[in-house]
Amino acid sequence: MIKHIVFWTLHDEALGHSASDNAALVKSRLESLAGQIPGLLHIEVGLDISDSESSADVALYSEFEDLAALQAYQTHPRTRPWLTSWATSGRVAWWSTTRPELQPAT
């Protein structure tokens, strides 16, 4: 199993909406991927409640069957091509819960 976490900071305004409105849209779009992406086992999306300078606006936590499923998710047509219009930055972490999955898919 591969676990995947991403934190995004959004533009103050983008596409005619505030950062908080866009955060809600990002949350809705990401959550709509549940059951739509092969190998995506679990997805959670949270919005910032701390409102601190160091916090991100949106956090994604997801779990995948294996590294190949995560890689397929990242290129799937329903995933995040729209997010670049809203986000100023993102921080990503991947980790495996079993050693064999640390190896790239061939």
Protein backbone atom coordinates (compact mmCIF):
# COMPACT_ATOMS: atom_id res chain seq x y z
CA MET A 1 0.00 0.00 0.00
CA ILE A 2 1.17 3.51 -0.83
CA LYS A 3 0.04 6.50 1.21
CA HIS A 4 0.07 9.90 -0.45
CA ILE A 5 -0.26 13.31 1.22
CA VAL A 6 -0.34 16.70 -0.50
CA PHE A 7 -0.73 20.17 1.02
CA TRP A 8 -1.68 23.08 -1.25
CA THR A 9 -1.58 26.82 -0.69
CA LEU A 10 -4.08 28.59 -2.95
CA HIS A 11 -3.98 32.00 -4.61
CA ASP A 12 -5.91 34.67 -2.68
CA GLU A 13 -8.19 34.87 -5.71
CA ALA A 14 -8.36 32.73 -8.84
CA LEU A 15 -10.90 32.20 -11.59
CA GLY A 16 -13.17 34.80 -10.02
CA HIS A 17 -13.38 33.11 -6.60
CA SER A 18 -11.76 33.64 -3.22
CA ALA A 19 -9.25 31.17 -1.82
CA SER A 20 -11.84 29.82 0.61
CA ASP A 21 -14.39 29.28 -2.19
CA ASN A 22 -11.73 27.61 -4.32
CA ALA A 23 -10.66 25.42 -1.38
CA ALA A 24 -14.24 24.13 -1.15
CA LEU A 25 -14.24 23.47 -4.91
CA VAL A 26 -10.90 21.63 -4.72
CA LYS A 27 -12.24 19.53 -1.83
CA SER A 28 -15.39 18.64 -3.78
CA ARG A 29 -13.50 17.73 -6.95
CA LEU A 30 -10.94 15.61 -5.16
CA GLU A 31 -13.56 13.79 -3.10
CA SER A 32 -15.49 13.02 -6.30
CA LEU A 33 -12.56 10.82 -7.37
CA ALA A 34 -13.53 8.16 -4.79
CA GLY A 35 -14.53 5.03 -6.67
CA GLN A 36 -13.49 6.56 -10.00
CA ILE A 37 -9.75 5.83 -10.10
CA PRO A 38 -8.52 2.21 -10.27
CA GLY A 39 -6.32 1.40 -7.28
CA LEU A 40 -7.42 4.42 -5.22
CA LEU A 41 -8.48 2.79 -1.96
CA HIS A 42 -9.18 5.82 0.23
CA ILE A 43 -9.28 9.60 -0.10
CA GLU A 44 -9.75 12.37 2.48
CA VAL A 45 -9.58 16.11 1.88
CA GLY A 46 -9.36 18.66 4.65
CA LEU A 47 -9.51 22.45 4.72
CA ASP A 48 -7.39 24.72 6.89
CA ILE A 49 -8.92 25.65 10.23
CA SER A 50 -5.84 27.26 11.80
CA ASP A 51 -5.55 30.24 9.45
CA SER A 52 -1.85 30.57 10.27
CA GLU A 53 0.78 31.82 7.83
CA SER A 54 2.52 28.44 7.78
CA SER A 55 -0.59 26.35 7.16
CA ALA A 56 -1.82 25.08 3.80
CA ASP A 57 -5.34 25.77 2.51
CA VAL A 58 -6.11 22.21 1.42
CA ALA A 59 -4.74 18.84 2.55
CA LEU A 60 -5.16 15.56 0.67
CA TYR A 61 -4.60 12.14 2.24
CA SER A 62 -5.01 9.13 -0.03
CA GLU A 63 -4.13 5.44 -0.11
CA PHE A 64 -3.33 3.36 -3.19
CA GLU A 65 -2.97 -0.36 -3.79
CA ASP A 66 0.60 0.07 -5.01
CA LEU A 67 3.02 2.49 -6.64
CA ALA A 68 1.65 1.70 -10.12
CA ALA A 69 -1.85 2.79 -8.96
CA LEU A 70 -0.48 6.08 -7.60
CA GLN A 71 1.37 6.74 -10.84
CA ALA A 72 -1.77 5.96 -12.86
CA TYR A 73 -3.78 8.33 -10.62
CA GLN A 74 -1.34 11.16 -11.28
CA THR A 75 -1.87 10.93 -15.03
CA HIS A 76 -5.58 10.06 -14.98
CA PRO A 77 -7.67 12.65 -16.89
CA ARG A 78 -9.91 13.31 -13.85
CA THR A 79 -7.04 14.28 -11.55
CA ARG A 80 -5.85 17.82 -10.87
CA PRO A 81 -5.05 19.41 -14.23
CA TRP A 82 -7.38 22.21 -13.05
CA LEU A 83 -5.57 22.65 -9.73
CA THR A 84 -2.66 24.59 -11.21
CA SER A 85 -5.01 27.52 -11.81
CA TRP A 86 -5.77 27.74 -8.09
CA ALA A 87 -2.61 26.67 -6.25
CA THR A 88 0.47 28.76 -5.61
CA SER A 89 2.41 25.83 -4.17
CA GLY A 90 2.13 22.25 -3.05
CA ARG A 91 4.08 19.90 -0.79
CA VAL A 92 3.95 16.15 -1.44
CA ALA A 93 4.87 13.02 0.52
CA TRP A 94 4.62 9.37 -0.51
CA TRP A 95 5.40 6.37 1.62
CA SER A 96 4.95 2.64 1.52
CA THR A 97 3.65 0.41 4.27
CA THR A 98 5.35 -2.67 2.77
CA ARG A 99 8.94 -2.91 1.49
CA PRO A 100 8.26 -4.45 -1.97
CA GLU A 101 6.14 -1.47 -2.93
CA LEU A 102 9.09 0.86 -2.49
CA GLN A 103 10.41 -0.37 -5.82
CA PRO A 104 9.13 1.45 -8.91
CA ALA A 105 6.70 -0.48 -11.08
CA THR A 106 8.19 -1.92 -14.24
